[in-house]
Protein backbone atom coordinates (compact mmCIF):
# COMPACT_ATOMS: atom_id res chain seq x y z
CA MET A 1 -0.07 -0.21 -0.40
CA ALA A 2 2.73 2.48 0.79
CA ILE A 3 4.68 1.86 -2.45
CA LEU A 4 1.47 2.97 -4.14
CA PHE A 5 1.09 6.02 -2.53
CA ILE A 6 4.32 6.66 -3.07
CA PHE A 7 5.45 5.76 -6.32
CA PRO A 8 2.85 8.93 -8.40
CA LEU A 9 4.90 11.07 -5.76
CA LEU A 10 8.00 10.01 -7.28
CA TYR A 11 6.32 9.56 -11.15
CA PHE A 12 5.65 12.38 -11.27
CA TYR A 13 8.69 14.15 -9.28
CA PRO A 14 9.74 17.09 -11.94
CA PHE A 15 6.20 18.45 -11.83
CA THR A 16 7.16 18.90 -7.07
CA ILE A 17 10.51 21.11 -7.94
CA GLY A 18 8.66 24.18 -9.74
CA GLY A 19 9.57 25.51 -13.00
CA CYS A 20 8.39 21.99 -14.50
CA GLU A 21 5.15 22.87 -15.74
CA PHE A 22 2.89 20.52 -15.55
CA SER A 23 -0.03 21.68 -18.24
CA LYS A 24 2.20 22.12 -20.81
CA THR A 25 3.73 18.63 -20.57
CA ILE A 26 0.30 16.66 -20.82
CA GLY A 27 -1.07 19.53 -22.56
CA LYS A 28 -5.07 20.17 -20.31
CA ASP A 29 -6.49 23.11 -19.06
CA PHE A 30 -4.67 22.79 -15.76
CA TYR A 31 -4.48 26.12 -14.71
CA ALA A 32 -7.70 27.29 -16.49
CA TRP A 33 -10.15 25.21 -15.12
CA SER A 34 -8.76 24.02 -11.60
CA TYR A 35 -6.20 26.28 -10.44
CA PHE A 36 -7.50 29.82 -10.60
CA TYR A 37 -10.88 28.34 -8.78
CA LYS A 38 -7.95 27.24 -5.85
CA LEU A 39 -6.37 30.16 -5.75
CA MET A 40 -10.11 31.96 -4.84
CA LEU A 41 -11.32 29.08 -2.23
CA TYR A 42 -7.93 29.80 -0.49
CA ASP A 43 -8.20 33.05 -0.84
CA TYR A 44 -11.89 33.13 1.03
CA LEU A 45 -10.84 30.31 3.29
CA SER A 46 -7.96 31.89 4.72
CA HIS A 47 -9.43 34.82 6.03
CA GLY A 48 -12.62 32.84 7.34
CA LYS A 49 -15.17 32.77 4.68
CA ILE A 50 -17.06 30.14 2.75
CA PRO A 51 -17.68 31.27 -0.67
CA LEU A 52 -20.93 30.64 -1.81
CA TRP A 53 -20.84 32.04 -5.27
CA THR A 54 -18.71 32.12 -8.49
CA PRO A 55 -19.43 35.45 -10.48
CA VAL A 56 -16.76 34.61 -13.09
CA GLU A 57 -18.68 32.05 -15.41
CA GLY A 58 -22.35 33.25 -16.93
CA CYS A 59 -24.18 35.37 -14.64
CA GLY A 60 -22.21 33.39 -11.78
CA ILE A 61 -22.91 29.76 -10.56
CA PRO A 62 -22.70 28.39 -7.00
CA PHE A 63 -19.40 28.01 -6.02
CA TRP A 64 -19.67 24.91 -3.96
CA SER A 65 -20.62 23.08 -7.15
CA ARG A 66 -17.78 22.93 -8.90
CA PRO A 67 -15.72 19.80 -8.75
CA PHE A 68 -13.13 21.75 -10.45
CA ILE A 69 -13.32 23.28 -6.34
CA GLN A 70 -13.47 20.24 -4.03
CA LEU A 71 -15.12 22.88 -1.77
CA GLN A 72 -15.74 19.87 1.08
CA TYR A 73 -12.12 18.32 0.02
CA PRO A 74 -10.51 17.93 3.91
CA LEU A 75 -7.28 18.53 2.50
CA ASN A 76 -8.57 22.35 1.89
CA ILE A 77 -7.33 22.90 5.06
CA PRO A 78 -3.54 22.08 5.10
CA TYR A 79 -3.45 23.69 2.17
CA THR A 80 -5.42 26.99 3.48
CA LEU A 81 -3.21 27.13 5.99
CA LEU A 82 0.25 26.91 3.68
CA TYR A 83 -1.85 29.43 1.62
CA LYS A 84 -1.93 31.92 4.57
CA VAL A 85 1.63 31.12 5.70
CA GLN A 86 3.20 31.81 2.08
CA GLY A 87 1.14 34.74 2.15
CA GLY A 88 -0.67 33.16 -1.31
CA TYR A 89 -0.53 30.05 -3.54
CA THR A 90 1.33 29.23 -6.44
CA TYR A 91 1.10 26.92 -9.29
CA THR A 92 3.70 24.26 -7.95
CA ASP A 93 2.11 24.23 -5.30
CA HIS A 94 -1.45 23.21 -7.49
CA GLN A 95 0.33 20.98 -8.97
CA ARG A 96 1.84 19.12 -5.54
CA PHE A 97 -2.07 19.13 -4.57
CA VAL A 98 -2.38 17.42 -7.72
CA ILE A 99 -0.30 14.33 -7.30
CA LEU A 100 -1.00 14.14 -4.13
CA GLY A 101 -4.27 13.81 -5.32
CA TYR A 102 -2.84 11.10 -7.15
CA SER A 103 -1.14 8.65 -4.38
CA ILE A 104 -4.84 9.02 -2.84
CA LEU A 105 -6.29 7.83 -6.12
CA SER A 106 -3.79 4.94 -5.91
CA ILE A 107 -4.53 4.13 -2.27
CA GLY A 108 -9.00 4.44 -3.64
CA LEU A 109 -8.29 2.37 -6.65
CA PHE A 110 -5.88 -0.89 -5.36
CA GLN A 111 -8.79 -0.77 -2.34
CA TRP A 112 -11.61 -0.60 -4.77
CA LEU A 113 -9.94 -3.04 -7.34
CA ARG A 114 -9.50 -5.81 -4.19
CA SER A 115 -12.80 -5.55 -3.25
CA LEU A 116 -13.89 -6.34 -6.62
CA ASN A 117 -11.81 -10.19 -6.12
CA GLN A 118 -9.36 -9.02 -8.45
CA SER A 119 -5.27 -10.17 -7.33
CA ILE A 120 -3.10 -8.18 -5.47
CA LEU A 121 -1.26 -8.15 -9.15
CA THR A 122 -4.36 -7.45 -11.05
CA ALA A 123 -5.23 -4.59 -8.97
CA PHE A 124 -1.21 -2.86 -8.76
CA VAL A 125 -1.11 -3.22 -12.49
CA ALA A 126 -3.95 -1.62 -12.68
CA THR A 127 -3.63 0.88 -9.89
CA VAL A 128 -0.04 1.94 -12.08
CA ILE A 129 -1.08 2.05 -15.67
CA THR A 130 -3.94 4.21 -14.06
CA VAL A 131 -2.32 6.44 -12.45
CA ILE A 132 0.85 7.00 -15.04
CA SER A 133 -1.71 7.75 -17.53
CA TYR A 134 -2.21 10.79 -16.95
CA ARG A 135 0.60 11.82 -17.89
């Protein structure tokens, strides 16, 4: 189990040191759909407020219903503290947040496959392939 948690952190290591941009490598809209909203969320939370509405899309939408924001995600608490201590939340911080999410995903995916009576080897290989396919 520990190796499945550590594997994504090692595999995506170049993206955790700064200067190596995730979005340019994987070609996704990582910045536009994810980073901006997390930055806004941490700013609100660091000031003791819970954002209810985001006015940046059309006429606005409920902030809590954006799947990219994950308002109820428990790890928002330490990241809010990081935001407050550092005085901001950088692009590299966000890349680290996403890679940590891959580590958590790998543990959950492995456990789910095992609950479906897959062999340890099958569950392990499927998990590793899924996690590295994000690159």
